[in-house]
Protein backbone atom coordinates (compact mmCIF):
# COMPACT_ATOMS: atom_id res chain seq x y z
CA MET A 1 0.00 0.00 0.00
CA ASN A 2 1.25 3.47 -0.85
CA ASP A 3 1.75 5.49 2.35
CA LYS A 4 0.79 8.74 0.61
CA HIS A 5 -2.80 9.68 -0.02
CA VAL A 6 -4.96 10.75 -2.92
CA LEU A 7 -6.72 13.97 -1.94
CA ILE A 8 -10.16 14.63 -3.43
CA LEU A 9 -11.09 18.28 -3.02
CA GLY A 10 -14.86 18.73 -3.12
CA CYS A 11 -15.68 15.09 -2.52
CA GLY A 12 -19.30 15.11 -3.69
CA TYR A 13 -21.31 12.86 -5.99
CA THR A 14 -18.37 11.85 -8.21
CA GLY A 15 -15.78 12.14 -5.47
CA VAL A 16 -17.31 9.55 -3.17
CA VAL A 17 -17.48 7.02 -6.03
CA LEU A 18 -13.83 7.67 -6.83
CA ALA A 19 -12.91 7.48 -3.14
CA GLN A 20 -14.61 4.12 -2.74
CA ARG A 21 -12.98 2.79 -5.91
CA LEU A 22 -9.49 3.75 -4.75
CA ALA A 23 -9.98 2.72 -1.12
CA PHE A 24 -11.23 -0.72 -2.22
CA LYS A 25 -7.88 -1.19 -3.95
CA GLY A 26 -5.96 -0.27 -0.79
CA GLU A 27 -5.23 3.33 -1.79
CA PRO A 28 -5.29 5.80 1.14
CA VAL A 29 -7.79 8.55 0.31
CA VAL A 30 -8.67 11.89 1.87
CA GLY A 31 -11.80 13.79 0.85
CA THR A 32 -12.86 17.33 1.69
CA THR A 33 -16.42 18.52 2.19
CA ARG A 34 -18.19 21.49 3.72
CA THR A 35 -20.66 19.50 5.85
CA GLU A 36 -20.52 16.92 8.62
CA ALA A 37 -23.29 14.96 6.87
CA ARG A 38 -21.17 14.51 3.75
CA ALA A 39 -18.15 13.71 5.95
CA SER A 40 -20.06 10.72 7.30
CA ILE A 41 -20.73 9.50 3.75
CA ILE A 42 -17.06 9.88 2.80
CA ARG A 43 -16.09 7.86 5.87
CA THR A 44 -18.40 4.99 4.88
CA ARG A 45 -16.59 4.81 1.53
CA GLY A 46 -13.31 4.01 3.26
CA ALA A 47 -11.79 7.50 3.00
CA HIS A 48 -10.76 10.03 5.64
CA PRO A 49 -13.01 13.11 5.58
CA ILE A 50 -11.93 16.70 6.19
CA VAL A 51 -14.54 19.40 6.75
CA TRP A 52 -13.08 22.35 4.82
CA ASP A 53 -14.63 25.57 3.52
CA GLY A 54 -12.46 25.55 0.38
CA HIS A 55 -10.64 28.78 1.22
CA ASP A 56 -8.28 28.61 4.21
CA MET A 57 -5.37 26.56 2.88
CA GLN A 58 -3.80 26.34 6.32
CA GLU A 59 -6.50 23.87 7.29
CA LEU A 60 -4.77 21.43 4.93
CA ALA A 61 -1.31 22.09 6.38
CA GLN A 62 -1.27 18.83 8.36
CA TRP A 63 -1.37 16.95 5.03
CA ARG A 64 1.72 18.58 3.55
CA GLY A 65 4.08 15.88 2.35
CA ARG A 66 1.42 13.19 2.77
CA ILE A 67 -0.38 13.65 -0.57
CA ARG A 68 0.73 12.03 -3.82
CA ALA A 69 -2.16 13.09 -6.09
CA VAL A 70 -4.92 15.69 -6.03
CA VAL A 71 -8.32 15.55 -7.74
CA CYS A 72 -10.04 18.94 -7.61
CA ALA A 73 -13.80 18.87 -8.06
CA ILE A 74 -14.58 22.30 -6.60
CA PRO A 75 -16.73 24.32 -9.04
CA PRO A 76 -16.25 28.08 -9.44
CA GLU A 77 -18.71 30.41 -7.77
CA VAL A 78 -19.98 32.63 -10.58
CA ALA A 79 -21.68 35.98 -9.94
CA PRO A 80 -24.49 37.35 -12.15
CA ASP A 81 -22.05 39.78 -13.79
CA GLY A 82 -19.83 36.89 -14.91
CA SER A 83 -17.09 37.44 -12.33
CA PHE A 84 -16.12 34.40 -10.34
CA THR A 85 -14.25 33.24 -7.27
CA ASP A 86 -12.37 29.97 -7.24
CA PRO A 87 -9.71 28.44 -4.97
CA THR A 88 -7.84 26.52 -7.69
CA ALA A 89 -4.97 29.04 -8.00
CA ASP A 90 -4.39 28.92 -4.23
CA ILE A 91 -4.59 25.13 -4.26
CA LEU A 92 -2.01 24.89 -7.05
CA ALA A 93 0.31 27.24 -5.17
CA PHE A 94 -0.10 25.25 -1.96
CA PHE A 95 0.98 22.02 -3.64
CA ALA A 96 3.57 23.54 -6.01
CA ASP A 97 6.59 22.34 -4.01
CA GLN A 98 5.25 18.89 -3.11
CA ALA A 99 6.19 16.86 -6.21
CA LEU A 100 2.73 15.40 -6.81
CA ASP A 101 2.33 12.41 -9.09
CA ALA A 102 -0.74 14.06 -10.59
CA PHE A 103 -3.07 17.04 -10.25
CA VAL A 104 -6.44 16.46 -11.95
CA TYR A 105 -9.04 19.21 -12.31
CA ILE A 106 -12.61 18.18 -13.13
CA SER A 107 -13.92 20.75 -15.57
CA SER A 108 -17.05 20.76 -17.73
CA THR A 109 -17.94 20.46 -21.39
CA SER A 110 -19.61 23.86 -21.02
CA VAL A 111 -16.23 25.26 -22.13
CA TYR A 112 -17.10 24.30 -25.73
CA GLY A 113 -20.34 26.25 -26.01
CA ASP A 114 -22.92 25.46 -28.69
CA HIS A 115 -21.66 23.69 -31.84
CA ALA A 116 -25.01 23.28 -33.62
CA GLY A 117 -24.87 19.50 -33.36
CA GLU A 118 -21.37 19.14 -34.80
CA VAL A 119 -18.74 16.71 -33.50
CA VAL A 120 -16.47 17.99 -30.72
CA ASP A 121 -13.32 16.34 -29.34
CA GLU A 122 -10.43 17.08 -27.00
CA GLU A 123 -8.79 19.48 -29.47
CA THR A 124 -11.85 21.51 -30.48
CA PRO A 125 -11.30 25.20 -29.59
CA CYS A 126 -13.32 26.46 -26.65
CA ALA A 127 -16.09 28.98 -27.30
CA PRO A 128 -18.07 29.16 -24.03
CA ASP A 129 -21.45 30.85 -24.13
CA SER A 130 -22.21 30.85 -20.40
CA PRO A 131 -20.64 32.58 -17.38
CA ARG A 132 -19.69 29.24 -15.83
CA GLY A 133 -18.15 28.02 -19.08
CA ARG A 134 -15.98 31.13 -19.36
CA ALA A 135 -14.86 30.69 -15.74
CA ARG A 136 -13.95 27.08 -16.41
CA VAL A 137 -11.76 28.04 -19.38
CA ALA A 138 -9.77 30.45 -17.22
CA ILE A 139 -9.29 27.83 -14.49
CA GLU A 140 -8.25 25.17 -17.00
CA GLU A 141 -5.49 27.45 -18.28
CA GLN A 142 -4.13 27.84 -14.75
CA VAL A 143 -4.16 24.09 -14.18
CA ARG A 144 -2.37 23.16 -17.41
CA ALA A 145 0.21 25.93 -16.92
CA ALA A 146 1.06 24.37 -13.55
CA GLY A 147 1.45 20.91 -15.09
CA GLY A 148 -1.94 19.63 -14.05
CA MET A 149 -4.47 17.69 -16.11
CA VAL A 150 -8.01 18.69 -17.06
CA VAL A 151 -10.93 16.27 -17.39
CA ARG A 152 -13.94 17.85 -19.11
CA ALA A 153 -16.94 15.95 -17.82
CA ALA A 154 -20.24 15.74 -19.69
CA GLY A 155 -23.52 15.38 -17.77
CA ILE A 156 -22.82 13.06 -14.84
CA TYR A 157 -25.51 10.55 -13.87
CA GLY A 158 -25.87 7.31 -11.96
CA PRO A 159 -27.58 5.93 -8.85
CA GLY A 160 -29.59 8.61 -7.09
CA ARG A 161 -29.18 11.14 -9.90
CA SER A 162 -30.44 10.52 -13.41
CA GLN A 163 -33.04 11.50 -15.97
CA LEU A 164 -35.12 8.58 -14.73
CA HIS A 165 -35.38 10.28 -11.35
CA ARG A 166 -36.23 13.68 -12.83
CA MET A 167 -38.84 12.35 -15.23
CA ALA A 168 -40.47 10.18 -12.58
CA ALA A 169 -40.76 13.18 -10.26
CA GLY A 170 -42.13 15.39 -13.05
CA LYS A 171 -39.10 17.71 -12.80
CA TYR A 172 -37.94 17.41 -16.40
CA ARG A 173 -39.19 19.35 -19.43
CA LEU A 174 -38.03 19.18 -23.02
CA VAL A 175 -36.76 22.54 -24.29
CA ALA A 176 -37.80 23.59 -27.79
CA GLY A 177 -38.80 20.06 -28.77
CA GLY A 178 -35.63 18.42 -27.46
CA GLY A 179 -33.66 18.59 -30.71
CA ALA A 180 -30.34 19.55 -29.10
CA TYR A 181 -27.66 16.86 -28.88
CA THR A 182 -26.72 16.03 -25.29
CA ASN A 183 -23.85 14.06 -23.81
CA ARG A 184 -23.39 12.26 -20.53
CA ILE A 185 -21.19 9.86 -18.57
CA HIS A 186 -22.08 7.33 -15.90
CA VAL A 187 -20.42 8.23 -12.60
CA THR A 188 -18.74 4.80 -12.46
CA ASP A 189 -17.04 5.43 -15.79
CA LEU A 190 -16.01 8.95 -14.78
CA ALA A 191 -14.42 7.60 -11.59
CA ALA A 192 -12.53 5.01 -13.66
CA LEU A 193 -11.36 7.75 -16.03
CA LEU A 194 -10.12 9.89 -13.13
CA GLU A 195 -8.23 6.94 -11.67
CA ALA A 196 -6.64 6.29 -15.08
CA ALA A 197 -5.63 9.97 -15.34
CA ILE A 198 -3.92 9.75 -11.95
CA LYS A 199 -2.03 6.62 -12.95
CA ARG A 200 -1.38 7.12 -16.66
CA GLY A 201 -2.26 10.72 -17.52
CA GLU A 202 0.16 13.17 -19.11
CA ARG A 203 0.98 16.47 -17.42
CA GLY A 204 -0.73 19.40 -19.12
CA ALA A 205 -3.18 17.15 -20.97
CA THR A 206 -6.89 17.70 -21.53
CA TYR A 207 -9.20 14.66 -21.42
CA LEU A 208 -12.85 14.30 -22.33
CA GLY A 209 -15.19 12.49 -19.93
CA SER A 210 -18.16 11.37 -22.02
CA ASP A 211 -19.73 8.16 -23.21
CA LEU A 212 -19.71 7.09 -26.85
CA THR A 213 -23.33 7.87 -27.68
CA PRO A 214 -24.41 11.50 -28.10
CA ALA A 215 -28.19 11.70 -28.40
CA THR A 216 -30.83 14.39 -28.67
CA GLN A 217 -32.96 15.10 -25.65
CA ARG A 218 -35.92 13.74 -27.64
CA GLU A 219 -34.15 10.42 -28.29
CA VAL A 220 -33.39 9.87 -24.62
CA VAL A 221 -36.92 10.77 -23.55
CA ASP A 222 -38.46 8.44 -26.13
CA HIS A 223 -36.22 5.61 -24.92
CA ILE A 224 -37.18 6.17 -21.28
CA VAL A 225 -40.91 6.37 -22.04
CA ALA A 226 -40.84 3.23 -24.21
CA THR A 227 -38.54 1.17 -21.96
CA TYR A 228 -39.54 2.17 -18.44
CA GLY A 229 -43.08 3.45 -18.88
CA LEU A 230 -42.49 6.85 -17.37
CA ARG A 231 -44.74 9.73 -18.35
CA GLU A 232 -43.88 11.87 -21.36
CA PRO A 233 -42.55 15.26 -20.16
CA SER A 234 -44.10 18.51 -21.31
CA ASP A 235 -42.34 20.85 -23.71
CA MET A 236 -40.89 24.24 -22.77
CA PRO A 237 -40.81 26.71 -25.67
CA LEU A 238 -37.47 28.42 -26.19
CA ALA A 239 -38.95 31.84 -25.40
CA GLU A 240 -40.14 30.56 -22.02
CA ALA A 241 -36.80 28.87 -21.35
CA ARG A 242 -34.98 32.16 -21.92
CA ILE A 243 -37.11 33.75 -19.19
CA ARG A 244 -37.25 30.90 -16.69
CA LEU A 245 -33.82 29.31 -16.82
CA ASP A 246 -30.52 30.50 -15.40
CA LYS A 247 -28.02 31.48 -18.12
CA ASN A 248 -25.80 28.51 -17.31
CA VAL A 249 -28.69 26.04 -17.38
CA LEU A 250 -30.08 27.54 -20.59
CA ALA A 251 -26.72 27.16 -22.32
CA MET A 252 -26.49 23.56 -21.11
CA VAL A 253 -29.90 22.46 -22.41
CA THR A 254 -29.80 24.35 -25.72
CA GLY A 255 -26.12 23.90 -26.59
CA SER A 256 -25.97 21.09 -29.14
CA LYS A 257 -22.78 19.09 -29.71
CA GLN A 258 -21.68 15.49 -30.18
CA LEU A 259 -18.72 14.64 -27.98
CA ARG A 260 -16.15 12.11 -29.20
CA PRO A 261 -13.76 10.94 -26.43
CA ASP A 262 -11.87 8.40 -28.56
CA LYS A 263 -8.48 10.06 -28.06
CA THR A 264 -8.97 10.17 -24.30
CA LEU A 265 -9.96 6.52 -24.04
CA ALA A 266 -6.98 5.47 -26.18
CA ALA A 267 -4.50 7.63 -24.26
CA LEU A 268 -5.68 6.39 -20.86
CA ARG A 269 -6.19 2.80 -22.06
CA LEU A 270 -9.74 2.79 -20.78
CA ARG A 271 -12.88 0.93 -21.82
CA LEU A 272 -16.24 2.29 -20.67
CA ARG A 273 -18.58 0.03 -18.77
CA TYR A 274 -21.57 2.06 -19.98
CA PRO A 275 -20.85 3.22 -23.55
CA SER A 276 -24.35 4.63 -23.98
CA TYR A 277 -27.23 6.00 -21.96
CA ARG A 278 -29.12 2.75 -22.60
CA GLU A 279 -26.75 0.59 -20.56
CA GLY A 280 -26.26 3.30 -17.97
CA LEU A 281 -29.97 3.93 -17.38
CA ALA A 282 -30.63 0.19 -17.27
CA ASP A 283 -28.08 -0.08 -14.45
CA VAL A 284 -29.75 2.75 -12.52
CA TRP A 285 -33.21 1.23 -13.03
CA GLN A 286 -32.07 -2.19 -11.87
CA ARG A 287 -30.58 -0.74 -8.71
CA GLU A 288 -33.28 1.80 -7.85
CA ARG A 289 -36.53 0.89 -9.57
CA VAL A 290 -38.54 0.98 -6.34
CA GLU A 291 -37.15 4.37 -5.35
CA ILE A 292 -37.70 5.81 -8.84
CA GLU A 293 -41.30 4.59 -9.09
CA ALA A 294 -41.98 6.05 -5.65
CA LEU A 295 -41.14 9.51 -7.05
CA VAL A 296 -44.12 9.46 -9.41
CA PRO A 297 -46.77 11.92 -8.09
């Protein structure tokens, strides 16, 4: 067993899956969170929790020299005017002299913006059309300049958080007929990709965390209705969406692109367990059918 730890900053939905994956293999893991409730969850996954507000770096001082890799999953806090606050620069500075094996920043595919349904890969230039996307681009540049890696994650889903849950609860609406291409990745596959980046990733690289099957919102809805019998969601006209939805959410649901992570999977020597939403949703349904059906009003 390695006597140095993997530190997961912002150990939330994806972080706890990664923590459990690493801990199961005998890897010492530390995960930060802002709440005692989440700390208890991290502990049950075999990792050591730290309650940390994400700002005072001195609270991590006791771990200096005891960390071999960092995974940063802390999102930027974006103000309405587009300005943002983010601890990544301070985190990079804190670990600059510690000879880490890897620093991995979990970014978002919002950095690409809308591509009108065209194919996008790791090398496609960024053209963000949302405040959060623009903030992510700036943070990515800091990370790569410091020798870290960036993983751009598509929509993350899995047990407890999926379109099955939202549709069952009546909390999902198609926007403008659902013609925009969407992309996603099962949380199990994202955790595997992050582990591979720690072990085999290249400093300064950008990786794409997405499955192999882009699909329009309409396609996914039709599959869920036909396969699982959930109610057809109502449609939200684009004009209404522009009024009701936050700018970041609007960009996410109307931005249309088809992600192709082939280069990432080849570079990290990784094979996805859930190459499409069909296998991924089937896994969620098998695990949580009773809970999902109980959400139906």
